[in-house]
Amino acid sequence: MGLISRVFGSFSSRGKAMALYKRGMQKATDRDLDGAIEDYTAVVDLKRAPPDVIAMALLNRALAYSRLHADEKATADLDLVISMPGATRQVVDAAHEKLHRMRRRTTKPV
C-alpha cells in the first residue's frame, strides 16, 4: 500500500477500525491481553466501523477473554459474532469452533 493510500485510509472508518484491530492483535501477541481487549472494544464502539471488522474484533476479544478465563464474556462475544449478518463465513466458523472447544472444556469430568 502506498503512502497516500495509508494516509487517506487512516481517515476512513475502515482504516481507523483496521488500525485499532491490528494494534489489538499486536498487543495480544505481546501477551498484553487487557490492552488488546481495549483496542478490540474500541473497534466495536467505533461509529461506522464495517461489520466484518467488528466481527473480527469481537472474535479476537473473545479469544483474549478466554485466555483470561472470562468465559462468560467470551461466550457473549462469540454469540454476537455468530448472529452478525456482516460477519464473514470464516469468522463465524471460527466462533462456532471456539464455542465448541469451550463447551467441551467445561463439560469434561474432573
PDB file of N, CA and C in Angstrom:
ATOM      1  N   MET A   1       0.856  -1.174   0.000  1.00  0.00           N
ATOM      2  CA  MET A   1       0.000   0.000   0.000  1.00  0.00           C
ATOM      3  C   MET A   1       0.896   1.230   0.000  1.00  0.00           C
ATOM      4  N   GLY A   2       0.593   2.199  -0.853  1.00  0.00           N
ATOM      5  CA  GLY A   2       1.403   3.393  -0.955  1.00  0.00           C
ATOM      6  C   GLY A   2       1.174   4.341   0.198  1.00  0.00           C
ATOM      7  N   LEU A   3       2.050   5.306   0.308  1.00  0.00           N
ATOM      8  CA  LEU A   3       1.976   6.277   1.392  1.00  0.00           C
ATOM      9  C   LEU A   3       0.665   7.044   1.362  1.00  0.00           C
ATOM     10  N   ILE A   4       0.246   7.482   0.201  1.00  0.00           N
ATOM     11  CA  ILE A   4      -1.000   8.252   0.091  1.00  0.00           C
ATOM     12  C   ILE A   4      -2.189   7.396   0.511  1.00  0.00           C
ATOM     13  N   SER A   5      -2.216   6.147   0.074  1.00  0.00           N
ATOM     14  CA  SER A   5      -3.312   5.253   0.462  1.00  0.00           C
ATOM     15  C   SER A   5      -3.344   5.040   1.964  1.00  0.00           C
ATOM     16  N   ARG A   6      -2.166   4.895   2.560  1.00  0.00           N
ATOM     17  CA  ARG A   6      -2.115   4.698   4.020  1.00  0.00           C
ATOM     18  C   ARG A   6      -2.598   5.941   4.752  1.00  0.00           C
ATOM     19  N   VAL A   7      -2.210   7.110   4.279  1.00  0.00           N
ATOM     20  CA  VAL A   7      -2.615   8.356   4.936  1.00  0.00           C
ATOM     21  C   VAL A   7      -4.118   8.538   4.834  1.00  0.00           C
ATOM     22  N   PHE A   8      -4.665   8.416   3.630  1.00  0.00           N
ATOM     23  CA  PHE A   8      -6.107   8.607   3.472  1.00  0.00           C
ATOM     24  C   PHE A   8      -6.896   7.448   4.066  1.00  0.00           C
ATOM     25  N   GLY A   9      -6.341   6.244   4.000  1.00  0.00           N
ATOM     26  CA  GLY A   9      -7.003   5.088   4.587  1.00  0.00           C
ATOM     27  C   GLY A   9      -7.148   5.205   6.085  1.00  0.00           C
ATOM     28  N   SER A  10      -6.196   5.871   6.734  1.00  0.00           N
ATOM     29  CA  SER A  10      -6.269   6.012   8.184  1.00  0.00           C
ATOM     30  C   SER A  10      -7.392   6.951   8.609  1.00  0.00           C
ATOM     31  N   PHE A  11      -7.920   7.757   7.679  1.00  0.00           N
ATOM     32  CA  PHE A  11      -9.019   8.660   7.998  1.00  0.00           C
ATOM     33  C   PHE A  11     -10.385   8.020   7.728  1.00  0.00           C
ATOM     34  N   SER A  12     -10.424   6.935   6.982  1.00  0.00           N
ATOM     35  CA  SER A  12     -11.692   6.273   6.700  1.00  0.00           C
ATOM     36  C   SER A  12     -12.103   5.436   7.903  1.00  0.00           C
ATOM     37  N   SER A  13     -13.368   5.113   7.983  1.00  0.00           N
ATOM     38  CA  SER A  13     -13.853   4.270   9.074  1.00  0.00           C
ATOM     39  C   SER A  13     -13.169   2.916   9.048  1.00  0.00           C
ATOM     40  N   ARG A  14     -13.054   2.329   7.856  1.00  0.00           N
ATOM     41  CA  ARG A  14     -12.373   1.035   7.742  1.00  0.00           C
ATOM     42  C   ARG A  14     -10.914   1.167   8.154  1.00  0.00           C
ATOM     43  N   GLY A  15     -10.262   2.240   7.726  1.00  0.00           N
ATOM     44  CA  GLY A  15      -8.852   2.442   8.073  1.00  0.00           C
ATOM     45  C   GLY A  15      -8.642   2.570   9.573  1.00  0.00           C
ATOM     46  N   LYS A  16      -9.498   3.345  10.220  1.00  0.00           N
ATOM     47  CA  LYS A  16      -9.392   3.500  11.680  1.00  0.00           C
ATOM     48  C   LYS A  16      -9.649   2.174  12.381  1.00  0.00           C
ATOM     49  N   ALA A  17     -10.697   1.476  11.945  1.00  0.00           N
ATOM     50  CA  ALA A  17     -11.052   0.201  12.565  1.00  0.00           C
ATOM     51  C   ALA A  17      -9.923  -0.816  12.391  1.00  0.00           C
ATOM     52  N   MET A  18      -9.371  -0.893  11.192  1.00  0.00           N
ATOM     53  CA  MET A  18      -8.296  -1.851  10.939  1.00  0.00           C
ATOM     54  C   MET A  18      -7.034  -1.503  11.723  1.00  0.00           C
ATOM     55  N   ALA A  19      -6.742  -0.218  11.863  1.00  0.00           N
ATOM     56  CA  ALA A  19      -5.563   0.181  12.637  1.00  0.00           C
ATOM     57  C   ALA A  19      -5.712  -0.240  14.103  1.00  0.00           C
ATOM     58  N   LEU A  20      -6.892  -0.017  14.669  1.00  0.00           N
ATOM     59  CA  LEU A  20      -7.144  -0.438  16.053  1.00  0.00           C
ATOM     60  C   LEU A  20      -7.094  -1.956  16.180  1.00  0.00           C
ATOM     61  N   TYR A  21      -7.693  -2.631  15.213  1.00  0.00           N
ATOM     62  CA  TYR A  21      -7.721  -4.092  15.225  1.00  0.00           C
ATOM     63  C   TYR A  21      -6.298  -4.656  15.171  1.00  0.00           C
ATOM     64  N   LYS A  22      -5.484  -4.144  14.277  1.00  0.00           N
ATOM     65  CA  LYS A  22      -4.104  -4.620  14.148  1.00  0.00           C
ATOM     66  C   LYS A  22      -3.296  -4.324  15.399  1.00  0.00           C
ATOM     67  N   ARG A  23      -3.547  -3.156  16.007  1.00  0.00           N
ATOM     68  CA  ARG A  23      -2.855  -2.825  17.249  1.00  0.00           C
ATOM     69  C   ARG A  23      -3.257  -3.818  18.347  1.00  0.00           C
ATOM     70  N   GLY A  24      -4.543  -4.155  18.393  1.00  0.00           N
ATOM     71  CA  GLY A  24      -5.012  -5.150  19.356  1.00  0.00           C
ATOM     72  C   GLY A  24      -4.363  -6.507  19.124  1.00  0.00           C
ATOM     73  N   MET A  25      -4.238  -6.893  17.871  1.00  0.00           N
ATOM     74  CA  MET A  25      -3.599  -8.170  17.559  1.00  0.00           C
ATOM     75  C   MET A  25      -2.139  -8.177  18.027  1.00  0.00           C
ATOM     76  N   GLN A  26      -1.445  -7.066  17.817  1.00  0.00           N
ATOM     77  CA  GLN A  26      -0.054  -6.998  18.262  1.00  0.00           C
ATOM     78  C   GLN A  26       0.032  -7.081  19.784  1.00  0.00           C
ATOM     79  N   LYS A  27      -0.877  -6.404  20.475  1.00  0.00           N
ATOM     80  CA  LYS A  27      -0.878  -6.472  21.940  1.00  0.00           C
ATOM     81  C   LYS A  27      -1.163  -7.892  22.410  1.00  0.00           C
ATOM     82  N   ALA A  28      -2.080  -8.580  21.749  1.00  0.00           N
ATOM     83  CA  ALA A  28      -2.361  -9.967  22.112  1.00  0.00           C
ATOM     84  C   ALA A  28      -1.125 -10.840  21.894  1.00  0.00           C
ATOM     85  N   THR A  29      -0.435 -10.618  20.788  1.00  0.00           N
ATOM     86  CA  THR A  29       0.806 -11.353  20.511  1.00  0.00           C
ATOM     87  C   THR A  29       1.839 -11.096  21.599  1.00  0.00           C
ATOM     88  N   ASP A  30       1.867  -9.849  22.082  1.00  0.00           N
ATOM     89  CA  ASP A  30       2.810  -9.464  23.138  1.00  0.00           C
ATOM     90  C   ASP A  30       2.309  -9.841  24.533  1.00  0.00           C
ATOM     91  N   ARG A  31       1.187 -10.545  24.593  1.00  0.00           N
ATOM     92  CA  ARG A  31       0.558 -11.011  25.841  1.00  0.00           C
ATOM     93  C   ARG A  31       0.012  -9.888  26.710  1.00  0.00           C
ATOM     94  N   ASP A  32      -0.260  -8.755  26.099  1.00  0.00           N
ATOM     95  CA  ASP A  32      -0.948  -7.650  26.776  1.00  0.00           C
ATOM     96  C   ASP A  32      -2.438  -7.811  26.479  1.00  0.00           C
ATOM     97  N   LEU A  33      -3.058  -8.780  27.135  1.00  0.00           N
ATOM     98  CA  LEU A  33      -4.446  -9.115  26.824  1.00  0.00           C
ATOM     99  C   LEU A  33      -5.412  -8.002  27.205  1.00  0.00           C
ATOM    100  N   ASP A  34      -5.152  -7.330  28.310  1.00  0.00           N
ATOM    101  CA  ASP A  34      -6.026  -6.216  28.691  1.00  0.00           C
ATOM    102  C   ASP A  34      -5.955  -5.096  27.657  1.00  0.00           C
ATOM    103  N   GLY A  35      -4.754  -4.798  27.173  1.00  0.00           N
ATOM    104  CA  GLY A  35      -4.600  -3.785  26.136  1.00  0.00           C
ATOM    105  C   GLY A  35      -5.257  -4.201  24.834  1.00  0.00           C
ATOM    106  N   ALA A  36      -5.141  -5.485  24.497  1.00  0.00           N
ATOM    107  CA  ALA A  36      -5.782  -5.996  23.285  1.00  0.00           C
ATOM    108  C   ALA A  36      -7.293  -5.866  23.391  1.00  0.00           C
ATOM    109  N   ILE A  37      -7.842  -6.222  24.535  1.00  0.00           N
ATOM    110  CA  ILE A  37      -9.287  -6.113  24.753  1.00  0.00           C
ATOM    111  C   ILE A  37      -9.744  -4.669  24.610  1.00  0.00           C
ATOM    112  N   GLU A  38      -8.963  -3.738  25.123  1.00  0.00           N
ATOM    113  CA  GLU A  38      -9.301  -2.308  24.983  1.00  0.00           C
ATOM    114  C   GLU A  38      -9.364  -1.907  23.505  1.00  0.00           C
ATOM    115  N   ASP A  39      -8.389  -2.340  22.720  1.00  0.00           N
ATOM    116  CA  ASP A  39      -8.366  -1.982  21.300  1.00  0.00           C
ATOM    117  C   ASP A  39      -9.515  -2.644  20.544  1.00  0.00           C
ATOM    118  N   TYR A  40      -9.781  -3.914  20.829  1.00  0.00           N
ATOM    119  CA  TYR A  40     -10.907  -4.587  20.169  1.00  0.00           C
ATOM    120  C   TYR A  40     -12.230  -3.922  20.543  1.00  0.00           C
ATOM    121  N   THR A  41     -12.351  -3.507  21.793  1.00  0.00           N
ATOM    122  CA  THR A  41     -13.564  -2.808  22.230  1.00  0.00           C
ATOM    123  C   THR A  41     -13.701  -1.476  21.512  1.00  0.00           C
ATOM    124  N   ALA A  42     -12.589  -0.794  21.295  1.00  0.00           N
ATOM    125  CA  ALA A  42     -12.618   0.481  20.569  1.00  0.00           C
ATOM    126  C   ALA A  42     -13.119   0.267  19.140  1.00  0.00           C
ATOM    127  N   VAL A  43     -12.754  -0.849  18.517  1.00  0.00           N
ATOM    128  CA  VAL A  43     -13.256  -1.157  17.176  1.00  0.00           C
ATOM    129  C   VAL A  43     -14.771  -1.340  17.227  1.00  0.00           C
ATOM    130  N   VAL A  44     -15.240  -2.124  18.186  1.00  0.00           N
ATOM    131  CA  VAL A  44     -16.673  -2.403  18.319  1.00  0.00           C
ATOM    132  C   VAL A  44     -17.451  -1.106  18.536  1.00  0.00           C
ATOM    133  N   ASP A  45     -16.893  -0.191  19.302  1.00  0.00           N
ATOM    134  CA  ASP A  45     -17.562   1.069  19.631  1.00  0.00           C
ATOM    135  C   ASP A  45     -17.405   2.151  18.567  1.00  0.00           C
ATOM    136  N   LEU A  46     -16.535   1.931  17.599  1.00  0.00           N
ATOM    137  CA  LEU A  46     -16.259   2.930  16.567  1.00  0.00           C
ATOM    138  C   LEU A  46     -17.473   3.131  15.664  1.00  0.00           C
ATOM    139  N   LYS A  47     -17.892   4.377  15.526  1.00  0.00           N
ATOM    140  CA  LYS A  47     -19.021   4.672  14.637  1.00  0.00           C
ATOM    141  C   LYS A  47     -18.636   4.377  13.196  1.00  0.00           C
ATOM    142  N   ARG A  48     -19.553   3.766  12.479  1.00  0.00           N
ATOM    143  CA  ARG A  48     -19.399   3.439  11.066  1.00  0.00           C
ATOM    144  C   ARG A  48     -18.283   2.428  10.783  1.00  0.00           C
ATOM    145  N   ALA A  49     -17.887   1.671  11.799  1.00  0.00           N
ATOM    146  CA  ALA A  49     -16.905   0.612  11.537  1.00  0.00           C
ATOM    147  C   ALA A  49     -17.591  -0.473  10.698  1.00  0.00           C
ATOM    148  N   PRO A  50     -16.904  -1.023   9.724  1.00  0.00           N
ATOM    149  CA  PRO A  50     -17.508  -2.062   8.887  1.00  0.00           C
ATOM    150  C   PRO A  50     -17.856  -3.313   9.711  1.00  0.00           C
ATOM    151  N   PRO A  51     -18.986  -3.925   9.421  1.00  0.00           N
ATOM    152  CA  PRO A  51     -19.412  -5.095  10.195  1.00  0.00           C
ATOM    153  C   PRO A  51     -18.405  -6.250  10.184  1.00  0.00           C
ATOM    154  N   ASP A  52     -17.709  -6.445   9.069  1.00  0.00           N
ATOM    155  CA  ASP A  52     -16.749  -7.549   9.035  1.00  0.00           C
ATOM    156  C   ASP A  52     -15.578  -7.308   9.979  1.00  0.00           C
ATOM    157  N   VAL A  53     -15.171  -6.050  10.129  1.00  0.00           N
ATOM    158  CA  VAL A  53     -14.073  -5.729  11.039  1.00  0.00           C
ATOM    159  C   VAL A  53     -14.564  -5.829  12.486  1.00  0.00           C
ATOM    160  N   ILE A  54     -15.781  -5.405  12.740  1.00  0.00           N
ATOM    161  CA  ILE A  54     -16.358  -5.548  14.085  1.00  0.00           C
ATOM    162  C   ILE A  54     -16.412  -7.027  14.463  1.00  0.00           C
ATOM    163  N   ALA A  55     -16.834  -7.868  13.538  1.00  0.00           N
ATOM    164  CA  ALA A  55     -16.914  -9.304  13.815  1.00  0.00           C
ATOM    165  C   ALA A  55     -15.525  -9.874  14.140  1.00  0.00           C
ATOM    166  N   MET A  56     -14.504  -9.457  13.393  1.00  0.00           N
ATOM    167  CA  MET A  56     -13.143  -9.928  13.672  1.00  0.00           C
ATOM    168  C   MET A  56     -12.686  -9.463  15.046  1.00  0.00           C
ATOM    169  N   ALA A  57     -13.008  -8.211  15.396  1.00  0.00           N
ATOM    170  CA  ALA A  57     -12.619  -7.684  16.700  1.00  0.00           C
ATOM    171  C   ALA A  57     -13.335  -8.434  17.821  1.00  0.00           C
ATOM    172  N   LEU A  58     -14.621  -8.720  17.637  1.00  0.00           N
ATOM    173  CA  LEU A  58     -15.365  -9.479  18.649  1.00  0.00           C
ATOM    174  C   LEU A  58     -14.787 -10.878  18.821  1.00  0.00           C
ATOM    175  N   LEU A  59     -14.453 -11.529  17.716  1.00  0.00           N
ATOM    176  CA  LEU A  59     -13.862 -12.863  17.797  1.00  0.00           C
ATOM    177  C   LEU A  59     -12.547 -12.823  18.562  1.00  0.00           C
ATOM    178  N   ASN A  60     -11.697 -11.877  18.230  1.00  0.00           N
ATOM    179  CA  ASN A  60     -10.398 -11.792  18.900  1.00  0.00           C
ATOM    180  C   ASN A  60     -10.533 -11.352  20.348  1.00  0.00           C
ATOM    181  N   ARG A  61     -11.522 -10.495  20.632  1.00  0.00           N
ATOM    182  CA  ARG A  61     -11.757 -10.117  22.031  1.00  0.00           C
ATOM    183  C   ARG A  61     -12.209 -11.350  22.807  1.00  0.00           C
ATOM    184  N   ALA A  62     -13.056 -12.176  22.200  1.00  0.00           N
ATOM    185  CA  ALA A  62     -13.496 -13.411  22.851  1.00  0.00           C
ATOM    186  C   ALA A  62     -12.310 -14.330  23.148  1.00  0.00           C
ATOM    187  N   LEU A  63     -11.393 -14.424  22.202  1.00  0.00           N
ATOM    188  CA  LEU A  63     -10.207 -15.255  22.420  1.00  0.00           C
ATOM    189  C   LEU A  63      -9.365 -14.720  23.578  1.00  0.00           C
ATOM    190  N   ALA A  64      -9.242 -13.402  23.655  1.00  0.00           N
ATOM    191  CA  ALA A  64      -8.488 -12.799  24.766  1.00  0.00           C
ATOM    192  C   ALA A  64      -9.206 -13.039  26.089  1.00  0.00           C
ATOM    193  N   TYR A  65     -10.529 -12.849  26.107  1.00  0.00           N
ATOM    194  CA  TYR A  65     -11.292 -13.135  27.326  1.00  0.00           C
ATOM    195  C   TYR A  65     -11.106 -14.591  27.745  1.00  0.00           C
ATOM    196  N   SER A  66     -11.145 -15.484  26.789  1.00  0.00           N
ATOM    197  CA  SER A  66     -10.995 -16.902  27.097  1.00  0.00           C
ATOM    198  C   SER A  66      -9.627 -17.184  27.715  1.00  0.00           C
ATOM    199  N   ARG A  67      -8.606 -16.553  27.175  1.00  0.00           N
ATOM    200  CA  ARG A  67      -7.260 -16.742  27.741  1.00  0.00           C
ATOM    201  C   ARG A  67      -7.162 -16.206  29.161  1.00  0.00           C
ATOM    202  N   LEU A  68      -8.028 -15.242  29.494  1.00  0.00           N
ATOM    203  CA  LEU A  68      -8.072 -14.702  30.862  1.00  0.00           C
ATOM    204  C   LEU A  68      -9.081 -15.457  31.733  1.00  0.00           C
ATOM    205  N   HIS A  69      -9.649 -16.528  31.195  1.00  0.00           N
ATOM    206  CA  HIS A  69     -10.648 -17.358  31.888  1.00  0.00           C
ATOM    207  C   HIS A  69     -11.929 -16.598  32.198  1.00  0.00           C
ATOM    208  N   ALA A  70     -12.245 -15.603  31.378  1.00  0.00           N
ATOM    209  CA  ALA A  70     -13.510 -14.858  31.489  1.00  0.00           C
ATOM    210  C   ALA A  70     -14.474 -15.457  30.458  1.00  0.00           C
ATOM    211  N   ASP A  71     -14.863 -16.707  30.701  1.00  0.00           N
ATOM    212  CA  ASP A  71     -15.626 -17.461  29.713  1.00  0.00           C
ATOM    213  C   ASP A  71     -17.012 -16.885  29.434  1.00  0.00           C
ATOM    214  N   GLU A  72     -17.646 -16.265  30.418  1.00  0.00           N
ATOM    215  CA  GLU A  72     -18.969 -15.664  30.162  1.00  0.00           C
ATOM    216  C   GLU A  72     -18.859 -14.529  29.149  1.00  0.00           C
ATOM    217  N   LYS A  73     -17.845 -13.696  29.306  1.00  0.00           N
ATOM    218  CA  LYS A  73     -17.636 -12.600  28.353  1.00  0.00           C
ATOM    219  C   LYS A  73     -17.251 -13.147  26.984  1.00  0.00           C
ATOM    220  N   ALA A  74     -16.419 -14.171  26.977  1.00  0.00           N
ATOM    221  CA  ALA A  74     -16.014 -14.778  25.702  1.00  0.00           C
ATOM    222  C   ALA A  74     -17.224 -15.356  24.981  1.00  0.00           C
ATOM    223  N   THR A  75     -18.056 -16.065  25.717  1.00  0.00           N
ATOM    224  CA  THR A  75     -19.249 -16.668  25.121  1.00  0.00           C
ATOM    225  C   THR A  75     -20.189 -15.605  24.575  1.00  0.00           C
ATOM    226  N   ALA A  76     -20.360 -14.519  25.301  1.00  0.00           N
ATOM    227  CA  ALA A  76     -21.239 -13.437  24.835  1.00  0.00           C
ATOM    228  C   ALA A  76     -20.731 -12.862  23.513  1.00  0.00           C
ATOM    229  N   ASP A  77     -19.421 -12.643  23.403  1.00  0.00           N
ATOM    230  CA  ASP A  77     -18.852 -12.116  22.154  1.00  0.00           C
ATOM    231  C   ASP A  77     -18.997 -13.127  21.014  1.00  0.00           C
ATOM    232  N   LEU A  78     -18.757 -14.385  21.298  1.00  0.00           N
ATOM    233  CA  LEU A  78     -18.872 -15.413  20.254  1.00  0.00           C
ATOM    234  C   LEU A  78     -20.307 -15.529  19.765  1.00  0.00           C
ATOM    235  N   ASP A  79     -21.265 -15.448  20.676  1.00  0.00           N
ATOM    236  CA  ASP A  79     -22.673 -15.482  20.278  1.00  0.00           C
ATOM    237  C   ASP A  79     -23.014 -14.289  19.382  1.00  0.00           C
ATOM    238  N   LEU A  80     -22.455 -13.123  19.708  1.00  0.00           N
ATOM    239  CA  LEU A  80     -22.678 -11.938  18.865  1.00  0.00           C
ATOM    240  C   LEU A  80     -22.127 -12.157  17.455  1.00  0.00           C
ATOM    241  N   VAL A  81     -20.924 -12.690  17.373  1.00  0.00           N
ATOM    242  CA  VAL A  81     -20.307 -12.937  16.071  1.00  0.00           C
ATOM    243  C   VAL A  81     -21.178 -13.868  15.237  1.00  0.00           C
ATOM    244  N   ILE A  82     -21.645 -14.934  15.857  1.00  0.00           N
ATOM    245  CA  ILE A  82     -22.435 -15.935  15.140  1.00  0.00           C
ATOM    246  C   ILE A  82     -23.735 -15.339  14.608  1.00  0.00           C
ATOM    247  N   SER A  83     -24.284 -14.377  15.321  1.00  0.00           N
ATOM    248  CA  SER A  83     -25.560 -13.791  14.905  1.00  0.00           C
ATOM    249  C   SER A  83     -25.410 -12.569  14.006  1.00  0.00           C
ATOM    250  N   MET A  84     -24.182 -12.137  13.737  1.00  0.00           N
ATOM    251  CA  MET A  84     -23.957 -10.930  12.936  1.00  0.00           C
ATOM    252  C   MET A  84     -24.141 -11.182  11.445  1.00  0.00           C
ATOM    253  N   PRO A  85     -25.026 -10.430  10.800  1.00  0.00           N
ATOM    254  CA  PRO A  85     -25.195 -10.615   9.355  1.00  0.00           C
ATOM    255  C   PRO A  85     -23.960 -10.188   8.553  1.00  0.00           C
ATOM    256  N   GLY A  86     -23.145  -9.291   9.052  1.00  0.00           N
ATOM    257  CA  GLY A  86     -21.990  -8.804   8.301  1.00  0.00           C
ATOM    258  C   GLY A  86     -20.713  -9.584   8.529  1.00  0.00           C
ATOM    259  N   ALA A  87     -20.759 -10.612   9.375  1.00  0.00           N
ATOM    260  CA  ALA A  87     -19.564 -11.407   9.653  1.00  0.00           C
ATOM    261  C   ALA A  87     -19.292 -12.348   8.479  1.00  0.00           C
ATOM    262  N   THR A  88     -18.022 -12.527   8.172  1.00  0.00           N
ATOM    263  CA  THR A  88     -17.666 -13.454   7.100  1.00  0.00           C
ATOM    264  C   THR A  88     -17.866 -14.893   7.569  1.00  0.00           C
ATOM    265  N   ARG A  89     -18.018 -15.791   6.628  1.00  0.00           N
ATOM    266  CA  ARG A  89     -18.213 -17.211   6.947  1.00  0.00           C
ATOM    267  C   ARG A  89     -17.040 -17.742   7.764  1.00  0.00           C
ATOM    268  N   GLN A  90     -15.827 -17.332   7.409  1.00  0.00           N
ATOM    269  CA  GLN A  90     -14.634 -17.798   8.113  1.00  0.00           C
ATOM    270  C   GLN A  90     -14.655 -17.377   9.582  1.00  0.00           C
ATOM    271  N   VAL A  91     -15.068 -16.151   9.860  1.00  0.00           N
ATOM    272  CA  VAL A  91     -15.116 -15.656  11.231  1.00  0.00           C
ATOM    273  C   VAL A  91     -16.226 -16.372  12.017  1.00  0.00           C
ATOM    274  N   VAL A  92     -17.377 -16.561  11.385  1.00  0.00           N
ATOM    275  CA  VAL A  92     -18.477 -17.282  12.042  1.00  0.00           C
ATOM    276  C   VAL A  92     -18.063 -18.716  12.347  1.00  0.00           C
ATOM    277  N   ASP A  93     -17.406 -19.372  11.397  1.00  0.00           N
ATOM    278  CA  ASP A  93     -16.939 -20.743  11.623  1.00  0.00           C
ATOM    279  C   ASP A  93     -15.938 -20.805  12.776  1.00  0.00           C
ATOM    280  N   ALA A  94     -15.038 -19.842  12.848  1.00  0.00           N
ATOM    281  CA  ALA A  94     -14.060 -19.800  13.940  1.00  0.00           C
ATOM    282  C   ALA A  94     -14.763 -19.591  15.284  1.00  0.00           C
ATOM    283  N   ALA A  95     -15.799 -18.761  15.302  1.00  0.00           N
ATOM    284  CA  ALA A  95     -16.555 -18.533  16.541  1.00  0.00           C
ATOM    285  C   ALA A  95     -17.261 -19.814  16.979  1.00  0.00           C
ATOM    286  N   HIS A  96     -17.869 -20.518  16.028  1.00  0.00           N
ATOM    287  CA  HIS A  96     -18.513 -21.805  16.351  1.00  0.00           C
ATOM    288  C   HIS A  96     -17.503 -22.791  16.930  1.00  0.00           C
ATOM    289  N   GLU A  97     -16.340 -22.874  16.299  1.00  0.00           N
ATOM    290  CA  GLU A  97     -15.304 -23.803  16.754  1.00  0.00           C
ATOM    291  C   GLU A  97     -14.830 -23.467  18.164  1.00  0.00           C
ATOM    292  N   LYS A  98     -14.611 -22.188  18.433  1.00  0.00           N
ATOM    293  CA  LYS A  98     -14.156 -21.785  19.769  1.00  0.00           C
ATOM    294  C   LYS A  98     -15.233 -22.096  20.813  1.00  0.00           C
ATOM    295  N   LEU A  99     -16.482 -21.820  20.505  1.00  0.00           N
ATOM    296  CA  LEU A  99     -17.569 -22.153  21.435  1.00  0.00           C
ATOM    297  C   LEU A  99     -17.595 -23.656  21.706  1.00  0.00           C
ATOM    298  N   HIS A 100     -17.433 -24.443  20.676  1.00  0.00           N
ATOM    299  CA  HIS A 100     -17.428 -25.898  20.824  1.00  0.00           C
ATOM    300  C   HIS A 100     -16.294 -26.340  21.757  1.00  0.00           C
ATOM    301  N   ARG A 101     -15.100 -25.799  21.544  1.00  0.00           N
ATOM    302  CA  ARG A 101     -13.957 -26.149  22.394  1.00  0.00           C
ATOM    303  C   ARG A 101     -14.184 -25.708  23.834  1.00  0.00           C
ATOM    304  N   MET A 102     -14.759 -24.526  24.026  1.00  0.00           N
ATOM    305  CA  MET A 102     -15.015 -24.040  25.389  1.00  0.00           C
ATOM    306  C   MET A 102     -16.035 -24.934  26.092  1.00  0.00           C
ATOM    307  N   ARG A 103     -17.067 -25.326  25.381  1.00  0.00           N
ATOM    308  CA  ARG A 103     -18.102 -26.177  25.987  1.00  0.00           C
ATOM    309  C   ARG A 103     -17.542 -27.554  26.331  1.00  0.00           C
ATOM    310  N   ARG A 104     -16.701 -28.090  25.461  1.00  0.00           N
ATOM    311  CA  ARG A 104     -16.066 -29.380  25.759  1.00  0.00           C
ATOM    312  C   ARG A 104     -15.190 -29.274  26.997  1.00  0.00           C
ATOM    313  N   ARG A 105     -14.483 -28.167  27.115  1.00  0.00           N
ATOM    314  CA  ARG A 105     -13.579 -27.975  28.246  1.00  0.00           C
ATOM    315  C   ARG A 105     -14.355 -27.896  29.558  1.00  0.00           C
ATOM    316  N   THR A 106     -15.520 -27.253  29.537  1.00  0.00           N
ATOM    317  CA  THR A 106     -16.287 -27.079  30.774  1.00  0.00           C
ATOM    318  C   THR A 106     -17.147 -28.296  31.122  1.00  0.00           C
ATOM    319  N   THR A 107     -17.342 -29.197  30.171  1.00  0.00           N
ATOM    320  CA  THR A 107     -18.175 -30.365  30.467  1.00  0.00           C
ATOM    321  C   THR A 107     -17.353 -31.618  30.728  1.00  0.00           C
ATOM    322  N   LYS A 108     -16.039 -31.544  30.649  1.00  0.00           N
ATOM    323  CA  LYS A 108     -15.191 -32.700  30.929  1.00  0.00           C
ATOM    324  C   LYS A 108     -15.234 -33.017  32.418  1.00  0.00           C
ATOM    325  N   PRO A 109     -15.341 -34.306  32.764  1.00  0.00           N
ATOM    326  CA  PRO A 109     -15.304 -34.674  34.186  1.00  0.00           C
ATOM    327  C   PRO A 109     -13.923 -34.394  34.773  1.00  0.00           C
ATOM    328  N   VAL A 110     -13.928 -33.982  36.005  1.00  0.00           N
ATOM    329  CA  VAL A 110     -12.656 -33.638  36.672  1.00  0.00           C
ATOM    330  C   VAL A 110     -12.143 -34.810  37.452  1.00  0.00           C
TER     331      VAL A 110
END
